[in-house]
Amino acid sequence: MSKFKTSRALLVSGLALSLGACSNYVKRTDFDAAMNELRARDSAIEAKADANASALAALRTSLEARLKQHEAKLAELAGRLHVDMNVHFAYDKAEVRDQDKATLDKFAKVIREHHSNAKVTVEGFTDAAGDAGYNKRLGKRRADAVRDYLVQQGLSAEQVVAVSYGESRERQQSPGAWGDNGLANRRVTLVVDVPPAT
């Protein structure tokens, strides 16, 4: 927000200087009208930014309350909410486990009932075992399985997309771990985007 205010201040100063240098050619009423228009645009942009921040805060509060017992971790990054779900996969499998369905049910309910305009990206991950190409495909199958499950729980198919990061080392929970030790890496993360207020 400070970058926005700095940019706005520079724009207004530049406009004032350029109009001041040409004061013989600009009527005071035209200058005032231009400044009023800039102020109105600025107020509208700030109102949208505040509405987006409020929507993201409300979403975070809703998800934290409902997913607390499932040990989900939430982090806000660049206007998005990253939800590290406690949803994992068996070794070399892409089926949603029964014990993880309650977590996904609660997530889907919050989105469906309180943030139906949100967009959800399901990111699929694998452990470090196996070939990188295979793991990329396995991560996608896992993301697709969770995406399909969320759609079955009432989210629209257009609202949820699936991507794979496979064994991407910088995103592993337990770097290099696989097999019995790699369960933390065989997971999905849900990224929620709240669209701009209109």
N, C-alpha and C. Protein backbone atom coordinates (compact mmCIF):
# COMPACT_ATOMS: atom_id res chain seq x y z
N MET A 1 0.83 -1.17 0.00
CA MET A 1 0.00 0.00 0.00
C MET A 1 0.87 1.24 0.00
N SER A 2 2.05 1.20 0.66
CA SER A 2 2.92 2.37 0.71
C SER A 2 3.48 2.68 -0.67
N LYS A 3 3.76 1.64 -1.50
CA LYS A 3 4.21 1.88 -2.87
C LYS A 3 3.15 2.62 -3.64
N PHE A 4 1.88 2.25 -3.41
CA PHE A 4 0.77 2.87 -4.10
C PHE A 4 0.69 4.34 -3.71
N LYS A 5 0.79 4.63 -2.39
CA LYS A 5 0.70 6.01 -1.92
C LYS A 5 1.87 6.84 -2.43
N THR A 6 3.07 6.25 -2.48
CA THR A 6 4.23 6.96 -3.00
C THR A 6 4.04 7.27 -4.48
N SER A 7 3.56 6.31 -5.25
CA SER A 7 3.31 6.52 -6.67
C SER A 7 2.27 7.61 -6.88
N ARG A 8 1.24 7.58 -6.05
CA ARG A 8 0.19 8.58 -6.15
C ARG A 8 0.74 9.97 -5.86
N ALA A 9 1.56 10.09 -4.81
CA ALA A 9 2.13 11.38 -4.45
C ALA A 9 3.02 11.91 -5.57
N LEU A 10 3.80 11.03 -6.18
CA LEU A 10 4.66 11.45 -7.29
C LEU A 10 3.83 11.89 -8.49
N LEU A 11 2.74 11.18 -8.76
CA LEU A 11 1.87 11.53 -9.88
C LEU A 11 1.23 12.90 -9.65
N VAL A 12 0.71 13.11 -8.45
CA VAL A 12 0.07 14.39 -8.14
C VAL A 12 1.08 15.52 -8.20
N SER A 13 2.29 15.30 -7.64
CA SER A 13 3.34 16.34 -7.68
C SER A 13 3.74 16.65 -9.12
N GLY A 14 3.91 15.60 -9.92
CA GLY A 14 4.28 15.80 -11.32
C GLY A 14 3.20 16.55 -12.08
N LEU A 15 1.95 16.21 -11.80
CA LEU A 15 0.85 16.89 -12.46
C LEU A 15 0.82 18.36 -12.05
N ALA A 16 1.00 18.62 -10.77
CA ALA A 16 0.98 20.00 -10.29
C ALA A 16 2.12 20.81 -10.90
N LEU A 17 3.33 20.22 -10.96
CA LEU A 17 4.47 20.93 -11.54
C LEU A 17 4.27 21.21 -13.02
N SER A 18 3.82 20.19 -13.75
CA SER A 18 3.65 20.39 -15.19
C SER A 18 2.52 21.36 -15.48
N LEU A 19 1.46 21.30 -14.69
CA LEU A 19 0.38 22.25 -14.90
C LEU A 19 0.78 23.65 -14.43
N GLY A 20 1.59 23.69 -13.36
CA GLY A 20 2.07 24.99 -12.86
C GLY A 20 2.98 25.67 -13.86
N ALA A 21 3.81 24.90 -14.53
CA ALA A 21 4.73 25.46 -15.53
C ALA A 21 3.97 26.02 -16.72
N CYS A 22 2.80 25.50 -16.94
CA CYS A 22 1.98 25.95 -18.07
C CYS A 22 0.77 26.73 -17.56
N SER A 23 0.92 27.47 -16.46
CA SER A 23 -0.22 28.13 -15.84
C SER A 23 -0.93 29.10 -16.78
N ASN A 24 -0.23 29.61 -17.75
CA ASN A 24 -0.88 30.50 -18.70
C ASN A 24 -1.85 29.75 -19.60
N TYR A 25 -1.71 28.43 -19.69
CA TYR A 25 -2.53 27.65 -20.62
C TYR A 25 -3.59 26.80 -19.92
N VAL A 26 -3.52 26.64 -18.59
CA VAL A 26 -4.46 25.79 -17.86
C VAL A 26 -5.32 26.65 -16.95
N LYS A 27 -6.60 26.47 -17.09
CA LYS A 27 -7.53 27.20 -16.24
C LYS A 27 -7.56 26.54 -14.88
N ARG A 28 -7.74 27.33 -13.86
CA ARG A 28 -7.79 26.82 -12.49
C ARG A 28 -8.93 25.79 -12.36
N THR A 29 -10.04 26.02 -13.01
CA THR A 29 -11.16 25.07 -12.93
C THR A 29 -10.80 23.73 -13.54
N ASP A 30 -10.02 23.76 -14.65
CA ASP A 30 -9.58 22.50 -15.28
C ASP A 30 -8.62 21.75 -14.35
N PHE A 31 -7.71 22.51 -13.73
CA PHE A 31 -6.76 21.90 -12.78
C PHE A 31 -7.52 21.27 -11.62
N ASP A 32 -8.47 21.99 -11.03
CA ASP A 32 -9.25 21.49 -9.90
C ASP A 32 -10.05 20.25 -10.30
N ALA A 33 -10.62 20.28 -11.51
CA ALA A 33 -11.38 19.13 -11.99
C ALA A 33 -10.48 17.90 -12.12
N ALA A 34 -9.27 18.09 -12.67
CA ALA A 34 -8.32 16.98 -12.82
C ALA A 34 -7.92 16.43 -11.46
N MET A 35 -7.66 17.32 -10.51
CA MET A 35 -7.28 16.88 -9.16
C MET A 35 -8.43 16.13 -8.48
N ASN A 36 -9.65 16.62 -8.65
CA ASN A 36 -10.81 15.94 -8.06
C ASN A 36 -11.01 14.56 -8.66
N GLU A 37 -10.77 14.45 -9.96
CA GLU A 37 -10.89 13.14 -10.61
C GLU A 37 -9.83 12.17 -10.08
N LEU A 38 -8.59 12.66 -9.91
CA LEU A 38 -7.53 11.82 -9.36
C LEU A 38 -7.86 11.39 -7.93
N ARG A 39 -8.38 12.29 -7.14
CA ARG A 39 -8.75 11.96 -5.75
C ARG A 39 -9.88 10.92 -5.72
N ALA A 40 -10.84 11.06 -6.62
CA ALA A 40 -11.95 10.10 -6.68
C ALA A 40 -11.44 8.71 -7.07
N ARG A 41 -10.54 8.66 -8.07
CA ARG A 41 -9.97 7.37 -8.48
C ARG A 41 -9.18 6.75 -7.34
N ASP A 42 -8.40 7.60 -6.65
CA ASP A 42 -7.60 7.14 -5.52
C ASP A 42 -8.48 6.54 -4.43
N SER A 43 -9.57 7.21 -4.12
CA SER A 43 -10.49 6.71 -3.09
C SER A 43 -11.11 5.38 -3.51
N ALA A 44 -11.47 5.26 -4.79
CA ALA A 44 -12.06 4.01 -5.28
C ALA A 44 -11.06 2.86 -5.20
N ILE A 45 -9.81 3.13 -5.58
CA ILE A 45 -8.77 2.09 -5.52
C ILE A 45 -8.51 1.68 -4.07
N GLU A 46 -8.43 2.64 -3.17
CA GLU A 46 -8.21 2.31 -1.75
C GLU A 46 -9.37 1.50 -1.20
N ALA A 47 -10.61 1.85 -1.59
CA ALA A 47 -11.77 1.11 -1.11
C ALA A 47 -11.72 -0.34 -1.60
N LYS A 48 -11.33 -0.56 -2.87
CA LYS A 48 -11.21 -1.93 -3.38
C LYS A 48 -10.12 -2.70 -2.66
N ALA A 49 -8.98 -2.04 -2.43
CA ALA A 49 -7.88 -2.70 -1.72
C ALA A 49 -8.30 -3.07 -0.30
N ASP A 50 -9.02 -2.18 0.38
CA ASP A 50 -9.50 -2.47 1.73
C ASP A 50 -10.50 -3.62 1.71
N ALA A 51 -11.39 -3.63 0.71
CA ALA A 51 -12.38 -4.72 0.60
C ALA A 51 -11.70 -6.06 0.36
N ASN A 52 -10.66 -6.06 -0.50
CA ASN A 52 -9.92 -7.30 -0.76
C ASN A 52 -9.21 -7.78 0.49
N ALA A 53 -8.59 -6.86 1.22
CA ALA A 53 -7.90 -7.23 2.46
C ALA A 53 -8.90 -7.79 3.47
N SER A 54 -10.08 -7.18 3.56
CA SER A 54 -11.11 -7.67 4.48
C SER A 54 -11.60 -9.06 4.08
N ALA A 55 -11.80 -9.27 2.79
CA ALA A 55 -12.27 -10.57 2.32
C ALA A 55 -11.23 -11.65 2.62
N LEU A 56 -9.95 -11.35 2.40
CA LEU A 56 -8.89 -12.31 2.68
C LEU A 56 -8.81 -12.60 4.18
N ALA A 57 -8.96 -11.56 5.01
CA ALA A 57 -8.93 -11.75 6.46
C ALA A 57 -10.11 -12.60 6.92
N ALA A 58 -11.29 -12.37 6.35
CA ALA A 58 -12.47 -13.16 6.71
C ALA A 58 -12.29 -14.62 6.31
N LEU A 59 -11.72 -14.84 5.13
CA LEU A 59 -11.47 -16.20 4.67
C LEU A 59 -10.48 -16.90 5.60
N ARG A 60 -9.42 -16.21 5.95
CA ARG A 60 -8.43 -16.80 6.85
C ARG A 60 -9.06 -17.17 8.19
N THR A 61 -9.86 -16.26 8.76
CA THR A 61 -10.52 -16.52 10.04
C THR A 61 -11.43 -17.73 9.94
N SER A 62 -12.22 -17.81 8.87
CA SER A 62 -13.14 -18.94 8.67
C SER A 62 -12.38 -20.25 8.60
N LEU A 63 -11.32 -20.28 7.78
CA LEU A 63 -10.56 -21.52 7.60
C LEU A 63 -9.81 -21.90 8.87
N GLU A 64 -9.21 -20.93 9.55
CA GLU A 64 -8.49 -21.25 10.79
C GLU A 64 -9.41 -21.87 11.82
N ALA A 65 -10.61 -21.32 11.96
CA ALA A 65 -11.55 -21.84 12.95
C ALA A 65 -11.98 -23.27 12.63
N ARG A 66 -12.22 -23.55 11.35
CA ARG A 66 -12.74 -24.86 10.98
C ARG A 66 -11.66 -25.92 10.78
N LEU A 67 -10.44 -25.49 10.49
CA LEU A 67 -9.38 -26.47 10.23
C LEU A 67 -8.38 -26.60 11.38
N LYS A 68 -8.64 -25.91 12.48
CA LYS A 68 -7.71 -25.94 13.62
C LYS A 68 -7.40 -27.36 14.09
N GLN A 69 -8.44 -28.17 14.24
CA GLN A 69 -8.23 -29.53 14.73
C GLN A 69 -7.51 -30.41 13.72
N HIS A 70 -7.44 -29.98 12.46
CA HIS A 70 -6.78 -30.76 11.41
C HIS A 70 -5.35 -30.30 11.16
N GLU A 71 -4.87 -29.38 11.99
CA GLU A 71 -3.50 -28.90 11.94
C GLU A 71 -3.10 -28.29 10.61
N ALA A 72 -4.03 -27.64 9.96
CA ALA A 72 -3.70 -26.94 8.71
C ALA A 72 -2.91 -25.68 9.05
N LYS A 73 -1.98 -25.33 8.19
CA LYS A 73 -1.17 -24.13 8.38
C LYS A 73 -1.53 -23.12 7.30
N LEU A 74 -1.82 -21.90 7.71
CA LEU A 74 -2.22 -20.87 6.76
C LEU A 74 -1.17 -19.77 6.71
N ALA A 75 -0.91 -19.28 5.51
CA ALA A 75 0.02 -18.17 5.34
C ALA A 75 -0.49 -17.29 4.20
N GLU A 76 -0.42 -15.98 4.41
CA GLU A 76 -0.82 -15.04 3.37
C GLU A 76 0.41 -14.64 2.58
N LEU A 77 0.33 -14.77 1.27
CA LEU A 77 1.42 -14.39 0.38
C LEU A 77 0.86 -13.68 -0.83
N ALA A 78 1.23 -12.44 -1.03
CA ALA A 78 0.87 -11.67 -2.22
C ALA A 78 -0.62 -11.73 -2.54
N GLY A 79 -1.46 -11.46 -1.55
CA GLY A 79 -2.90 -11.43 -1.79
C GLY A 79 -3.54 -12.79 -1.93
N ARG A 80 -2.80 -13.84 -1.60
CA ARG A 80 -3.33 -15.21 -1.67
C ARG A 80 -3.20 -15.84 -0.30
N LEU A 81 -4.03 -16.82 -0.07
CA LEU A 81 -3.96 -17.57 1.17
C LEU A 81 -3.48 -18.97 0.84
N HIS A 82 -2.32 -19.35 1.38
CA HIS A 82 -1.77 -20.70 1.17
C HIS A 82 -2.19 -21.55 2.37
N VAL A 83 -2.86 -22.67 2.09
CA VAL A 83 -3.32 -23.56 3.15
C VAL A 83 -2.59 -24.88 3.00
N ASP A 84 -1.62 -25.10 3.90
CA ASP A 84 -0.93 -26.40 3.93
C ASP A 84 -1.83 -27.34 4.71
N MET A 85 -2.51 -28.19 3.97
CA MET A 85 -3.47 -29.12 4.57
C MET A 85 -2.74 -30.31 5.17
N ASN A 86 -3.36 -30.89 6.16
CA ASN A 86 -2.84 -32.13 6.73
C ASN A 86 -3.46 -33.28 5.93
N VAL A 87 -3.26 -33.23 4.59
CA VAL A 87 -3.78 -34.24 3.66
C VAL A 87 -2.58 -34.85 2.96
N HIS A 88 -2.37 -36.15 3.18
CA HIS A 88 -1.20 -36.84 2.63
C HIS A 88 -1.60 -38.06 1.82
N PHE A 89 -0.62 -38.66 1.17
CA PHE A 89 -0.87 -39.80 0.29
C PHE A 89 0.05 -40.95 0.65
N ALA A 90 -0.44 -42.16 0.44
CA ALA A 90 0.38 -43.35 0.61
C ALA A 90 1.46 -43.35 -0.46
N TYR A 91 2.52 -44.08 -0.22
CA TYR A 91 3.64 -44.17 -1.14
C TYR A 91 3.17 -44.61 -2.52
N ASP A 92 3.50 -43.83 -3.55
CA ASP A 92 3.19 -44.12 -4.94
C ASP A 92 1.68 -44.21 -5.23
N LYS A 93 0.87 -43.55 -4.41
CA LYS A 93 -0.59 -43.57 -4.59
C LYS A 93 -1.12 -42.15 -4.79
N ALA A 94 -2.30 -42.06 -5.41
CA ALA A 94 -2.92 -40.76 -5.66
C ALA A 94 -4.37 -40.74 -5.20
N GLU A 95 -4.77 -41.68 -4.35
CA GLU A 95 -6.14 -41.71 -3.86
C GLU A 95 -6.23 -40.91 -2.56
N VAL A 96 -7.31 -40.14 -2.42
CA VAL A 96 -7.54 -39.39 -1.19
C VAL A 96 -7.86 -40.39 -0.09
N ARG A 97 -7.12 -40.32 1.01
CA ARG A 97 -7.31 -41.25 2.12
C ARG A 97 -8.59 -40.89 2.89
N ASP A 98 -9.26 -41.89 3.42
CA ASP A 98 -10.50 -41.67 4.18
C ASP A 98 -10.27 -40.71 5.34
N GLN A 99 -9.13 -40.83 6.03
CA GLN A 99 -8.89 -39.99 7.19
C GLN A 99 -8.67 -38.51 6.82
N ASP A 100 -8.45 -38.21 5.54
CA ASP A 100 -8.25 -36.83 5.11
C ASP A 100 -9.52 -36.18 4.57
N LYS A 101 -10.56 -36.95 4.39
CA LYS A 101 -11.77 -36.41 3.78
C LYS A 101 -12.46 -35.38 4.66
N ALA A 102 -12.42 -35.55 5.98
CA ALA A 102 -13.07 -34.58 6.89
C ALA A 102 -12.42 -33.20 6.75
N THR A 103 -11.10 -33.17 6.60
CA THR A 103 -10.40 -31.89 6.43
C THR A 103 -10.84 -31.21 5.14
N LEU A 104 -10.89 -31.98 4.06
CA LEU A 104 -11.31 -31.42 2.78
C LEU A 104 -12.78 -31.03 2.79
N ASP A 105 -13.62 -31.79 3.51
CA ASP A 105 -15.03 -31.45 3.63
C ASP A 105 -15.19 -30.07 4.28
N LYS A 106 -14.45 -29.84 5.35
CA LYS A 106 -14.56 -28.55 6.06
C LYS A 106 -14.05 -27.41 5.20
N PHE A 107 -12.95 -27.63 4.50
CA PHE A 107 -12.43 -26.60 3.60
C PHE A 107 -13.47 -26.26 2.54
N ALA A 108 -14.03 -27.27 1.90
CA ALA A 108 -15.02 -27.04 0.84
C ALA A 108 -16.25 -26.31 1.38
N LYS A 109 -16.66 -26.64 2.59
CA LYS A 109 -17.83 -26.00 3.18
C LYS A 109 -17.58 -24.51 3.40
N VAL A 110 -16.41 -24.15 3.91
CA VAL A 110 -16.09 -22.73 4.13
C VAL A 110 -16.11 -21.98 2.81
N ILE A 111 -15.46 -22.54 1.80
CA ILE A 111 -15.41 -21.86 0.50
C ILE A 111 -16.81 -21.78 -0.11
N ARG A 112 -17.54 -22.86 -0.08
CA ARG A 112 -18.87 -22.91 -0.69
C ARG A 112 -19.84 -21.94 -0.01
N GLU A 113 -19.84 -21.90 1.31
CA GLU A 113 -20.83 -21.11 2.05
C GLU A 113 -20.44 -19.65 2.29
N HIS A 114 -19.15 -19.38 2.33
CA HIS A 114 -18.75 -18.02 2.72
C HIS A 114 -17.89 -17.29 1.69
N HIS A 115 -17.27 -18.01 0.77
CA HIS A 115 -16.37 -17.38 -0.20
C HIS A 115 -16.53 -18.04 -1.56
N SER A 116 -17.76 -18.10 -2.03
CA SER A 116 -18.05 -18.85 -3.26
C SER A 116 -17.41 -18.27 -4.51
N ASN A 117 -16.91 -17.04 -4.44
CA ASN A 117 -16.24 -16.45 -5.62
C ASN A 117 -14.73 -16.69 -5.61
N ALA A 118 -14.22 -17.35 -4.58
CA ALA A 118 -12.78 -17.60 -4.48
C ALA A 118 -12.34 -18.65 -5.51
N LYS A 119 -11.11 -18.54 -5.96
CA LYS A 119 -10.50 -19.51 -6.86
C LYS A 119 -9.52 -20.35 -6.05
N VAL A 120 -9.53 -21.66 -6.27
CA VAL A 120 -8.67 -22.57 -5.50
C VAL A 120 -7.73 -23.30 -6.46
N THR A 121 -6.45 -23.26 -6.14
CA THR A 121 -5.45 -24.04 -6.89
C THR A 121 -4.95 -25.15 -5.97
N VAL A 122 -5.09 -26.38 -6.41
CA VAL A 122 -4.60 -27.54 -5.65
C VAL A 122 -3.21 -27.86 -6.19
N GLU A 123 -2.21 -27.75 -5.32
CA GLU A 123 -0.82 -28.05 -5.70
C GLU A 123 -0.46 -29.44 -5.18
N GLY A 124 -0.05 -30.33 -6.09
CA GLY A 124 0.31 -31.69 -5.72
C GLY A 124 1.81 -31.87 -5.60
N PHE A 125 2.23 -32.65 -4.59
CA PHE A 125 3.65 -32.89 -4.31
C PHE A 125 3.93 -34.37 -4.11
N THR A 126 5.18 -34.74 -4.28
CA THR A 126 5.61 -36.12 -4.05
C THR A 126 6.85 -36.10 -3.15
N ASP A 127 7.26 -37.29 -2.74
CA ASP A 127 8.54 -37.38 -2.04
C ASP A 127 9.65 -37.49 -3.09
N ALA A 128 10.88 -37.69 -2.63
CA ALA A 128 12.04 -37.65 -3.53
C ALA A 128 12.31 -38.97 -4.24
N ALA A 129 11.56 -40.01 -3.96
CA ALA A 129 11.81 -41.31 -4.61
C ALA A 129 11.39 -41.24 -6.07
N GLY A 130 12.14 -41.89 -6.92
CA GLY A 130 11.74 -42.03 -8.31
C GLY A 130 12.21 -40.92 -9.22
N ASP A 131 11.87 -41.07 -10.46
CA ASP A 131 12.25 -40.18 -11.55
C ASP A 131 11.44 -38.87 -11.48
N ALA A 132 12.07 -37.74 -11.78
CA ALA A 132 11.42 -36.42 -11.69
C ALA A 132 10.18 -36.34 -12.58
N GLY A 133 10.25 -36.88 -13.80
CA GLY A 133 9.10 -36.85 -14.70
C GLY A 133 7.93 -37.65 -14.15
N TYR A 134 8.24 -38.82 -13.62
CA TYR A 134 7.19 -39.65 -13.02
C TYR A 134 6.56 -38.92 -11.84
N ASN A 135 7.39 -38.30 -11.00
CA ASN A 135 6.88 -37.60 -9.83
C ASN A 135 6.02 -36.40 -10.21
N LYS A 136 6.37 -35.74 -11.30
CA LYS A 136 5.54 -34.62 -11.77
C LYS A 136 4.15 -35.13 -12.14
N ARG A 137 4.09 -36.26 -12.82
CA ARG A 137 2.80 -36.85 -13.20
C ARG A 137 2.04 -37.35 -11.96
N LEU A 138 2.76 -37.96 -11.01
CA LEU A 138 2.13 -38.44 -9.78
C LEU A 138 1.58 -37.26 -8.97
N GLY A 139 2.33 -36.18 -8.88
CA GLY A 139 1.86 -34.99 -8.18
C GLY A 139 0.58 -34.44 -8.81
N LYS A 140 0.51 -34.50 -10.14
CA LYS A 140 -0.68 -34.02 -10.85
C LYS A 140 -1.87 -34.94 -10.57
N ARG A 141 -1.63 -36.25 -10.54
CA ARG A 141 -2.72 -37.17 -10.22
C ARG A 141 -3.25 -36.93 -8.81
N ARG A 142 -2.36 -36.62 -7.89
CA ARG A 142 -2.78 -36.31 -6.51
C ARG A 142 -3.59 -35.01 -6.47
N ALA A 143 -3.10 -33.99 -7.16
CA ALA A 143 -3.82 -32.72 -7.21
C ALA A 143 -5.18 -32.91 -7.87
N ASP A 144 -5.23 -33.69 -8.95
CA ASP A 144 -6.50 -33.97 -9.63
C ASP A 144 -7.48 -34.69 -8.70
N ALA A 145 -6.96 -35.64 -7.92
CA ALA A 145 -7.82 -36.40 -7.01
C ALA A 145 -8.45 -35.47 -5.97
N VAL A 146 -7.66 -34.55 -5.43
CA VAL A 146 -8.19 -33.61 -4.44
C VAL A 146 -9.14 -32.63 -5.12
N ARG A 147 -8.77 -32.17 -6.31
CA ARG A 147 -9.65 -31.26 -7.06
C ARG A 147 -11.00 -31.93 -7.29
N ASP A 148 -10.99 -33.16 -7.76
CA ASP A 148 -12.23 -33.89 -8.03
C ASP A 148 -13.05 -34.06 -6.75
N TYR A 149 -12.37 -34.34 -5.65
CA TYR A 149 -13.08 -34.50 -4.38
C TYR A 149 -13.75 -33.19 -3.96
N LEU A 150 -13.05 -32.07 -4.10
CA LEU A 150 -13.62 -30.77 -3.75
C LEU A 150 -14.82 -30.44 -4.63
N VAL A 151 -14.74 -30.79 -5.90
CA VAL A 151 -15.87 -30.56 -6.80
C VAL A 151 -17.06 -31.43 -6.37
N GLN A 152 -16.80 -32.66 -5.94
CA GLN A 152 -17.88 -33.53 -5.43
C GLN A 152 -18.52 -32.93 -4.18
N GLN A 153 -17.76 -32.11 -3.45
CA GLN A 153 -18.28 -31.49 -2.24
C GLN A 153 -18.98 -30.16 -2.52
N GLY A 154 -19.17 -29.83 -3.80
CA GLY A 154 -19.99 -28.67 -4.14
C GLY A 154 -19.27 -27.47 -4.71
N LEU A 155 -17.94 -27.52 -4.82
CA LEU A 155 -17.24 -26.41 -5.47
C LEU A 155 -17.37 -26.59 -6.98
N SER A 156 -17.42 -25.49 -7.71
CA SER A 156 -17.60 -25.61 -9.16
C SER A 156 -16.29 -26.06 -9.82
N ALA A 157 -16.42 -26.78 -10.91
CA ALA A 157 -15.25 -27.28 -11.64
C ALA A 157 -14.39 -26.13 -12.16
N GLU A 158 -15.01 -25.01 -12.49
CA GLU A 158 -14.25 -23.85 -12.99
C GLU A 158 -13.52 -23.14 -11.86
N GLN A 159 -13.94 -23.37 -10.64
CA GLN A 159 -13.39 -22.68 -9.47
C GLN A 159 -12.10 -23.34 -8.96
N VAL A 160 -11.89 -24.61 -9.30
CA VAL A 160 -10.77 -25.36 -8.73
C VAL A 160 -9.89 -25.90 -9.86
N VAL A 161 -8.59 -25.61 -9.79
CA VAL A 161 -7.63 -26.13 -10.77
C VAL A 161 -6.56 -26.93 -10.04
N ALA A 162 -5.92 -27.83 -10.78
CA ALA A 162 -4.89 -28.69 -10.19
C ALA A 162 -3.57 -28.50 -10.93
N VAL A 163 -2.48 -28.39 -10.16
CA VAL A 163 -1.13 -28.30 -10.72
C VAL A 163 -0.21 -29.23 -9.94
N SER A 164 0.94 -29.53 -10.53
CA SER A 164 1.89 -30.41 -9.85
C SER A 164 3.25 -29.75 -9.73
N TYR A 165 3.85 -29.92 -8.57
CA TYR A 165 5.24 -29.53 -8.36
C TYR A 165 6.12 -30.76 -8.16
N GLY A 166 5.51 -31.93 -8.22
CA GLY A 166 6.27 -33.17 -8.11
C GLY A 166 7.15 -33.19 -6.88
N GLU A 167 8.43 -33.47 -7.12
CA GLU A 167 9.39 -33.58 -6.00
C GLU A 167 10.18 -32.29 -5.80
N SER A 168 9.67 -31.18 -6.29
CA SER A 168 10.36 -29.89 -6.20
C SER A 168 10.99 -29.70 -4.82
N ARG A 169 12.31 -29.76 -4.78
CA ARG A 169 13.04 -29.78 -3.52
C ARG A 169 12.77 -28.56 -2.64
N GLU A 170 12.65 -27.38 -3.26
CA GLU A 170 12.44 -26.18 -2.45
C GLU A 170 11.05 -26.14 -1.81
N ARG A 171 10.15 -27.04 -2.21
CA ARG A 171 8.81 -27.06 -1.62
C ARG A 171 8.59 -28.30 -0.74
N GLN A 172 9.61 -29.13 -0.55
CA GLN A 172 9.46 -30.33 0.28
C GLN A 172 9.42 -29.94 1.76
N GLN A 173 8.56 -30.63 2.49
CA GLN A 173 8.48 -30.43 3.94
C GLN A 173 9.67 -31.08 4.65
N SER A 174 10.08 -32.25 4.16
CA SER A 174 11.23 -32.98 4.69
C SER A 174 12.18 -33.22 3.52
N PRO A 175 13.06 -32.26 3.21
CA PRO A 175 13.90 -32.35 2.01
C PRO A 175 14.62 -33.70 1.86
N GLY A 176 14.40 -34.31 0.71
CA GLY A 176 15.08 -35.56 0.38
C GLY A 176 14.44 -36.81 0.95
N ALA A 177 13.49 -36.68 1.87
CA ALA A 177 12.90 -37.86 2.51
C ALA A 177 11.94 -38.57 1.56
N TRP A 178 11.90 -39.89 1.68
CA TRP A 178 11.00 -40.69 0.86
C TRP A 178 10.64 -41.96 1.62
N GLY A 179 9.77 -42.79 1.03
CA GLY A 179 9.34 -44.02 1.70
C GLY A 179 8.61 -43.70 2.99
N ASP A 180 8.87 -44.48 4.03
CA ASP A 180 8.20 -44.27 5.32
C ASP A 180 8.48 -42.88 5.89
N ASN A 181 9.63 -42.32 5.60
CA ASN A 181 9.99 -41.00 6.14
C ASN A 181 9.48 -39.84 5.29
N GLY A 182 8.93 -40.12 4.13
CA GLY A 182 8.55 -39.05 3.20
C GLY A 182 7.08 -38.68 3.18
N LEU A 183 6.30 -39.14 4.16
CA LEU A 183 4.86 -38.85 4.17
C LEU A 183 4.59 -37.35 4.12
N ALA A 184 5.36 -36.56 4.84
CA ALA A 184 5.14 -35.11 4.86
C ALA A 184 5.28 -34.49 3.47
N ASN A 185 6.08 -35.09 2.62
CA ASN A 185 6.27 -34.58 1.26
C ASN A 185 5.15 -34.99 0.30
N ARG A 186 4.46 -36.07 0.61
CA ARG A 186 3.40 -36.58 -0.27
C ARG A 186 2.09 -35.92 0.14
N ARG A 187 1.86 -34.70 -0.35
CA ARG A 187 0.77 -33.89 0.15
C ARG A 187 0.20 -32.99 -0.93
N VAL A 188 -0.81 -32.22 -0.53
CA VAL A 188 -1.32 -31.13 -1.37
C VAL A 188 -1.32 -29.86 -0.54
N THR A 189 -1.17 -28.74 -1.23
CA THR A 189 -1.36 -27.42 -0.66
C THR A 189 -2.46 -26.76 -1.46
N LEU A 190 -3.34 -26.05 -0.78
CA LEU A 190 -4.43 -25.34 -1.45
C LEU A 190 -4.12 -23.85 -1.41
N VAL A 191 -4.14 -23.22 -2.57
CA VAL A 191 -3.90 -21.79 -2.67
C VAL A 191 -5.22 -21.13 -3.04
N VAL A 192 -5.65 -20.19 -2.22
CA VAL A 192 -6.95 -19.55 -2.42
C VAL A 192 -6.74 -18.10 -2.84
N ASP A 193 -7.32 -17.75 -3.98
CA ASP A 193 -7.31 -16.37 -4.47
C ASP A 193 -8.70 -15.79 -4.31
N VAL A 194 -8.76 -14.64 -3.65
CA VAL A 194 -10.03 -13.94 -3.54
C VAL A 194 -10.04 -12.90 -4.64
N PRO A 195 -10.99 -12.96 -5.57
CA PRO A 195 -10.99 -12.01 -6.69
C PRO A 195 -11.19 -10.58 -6.22
N PRO A 196 -10.70 -9.61 -6.97
CA PRO A 196 -10.85 -8.21 -6.59
C PRO A 196 -12.32 -7.83 -6.43
N ALA A 197 -12.57 -6.97 -5.46
CA ALA A 197 -13.93 -6.47 -5.27
C ALA A 197 -14.33 -5.63 -6.47
N THR A 198 -15.59 -5.71 -6.82
CA THR A 198 -16.07 -4.91 -7.96
C THR A 198 -16.88 -3.73 -7.49
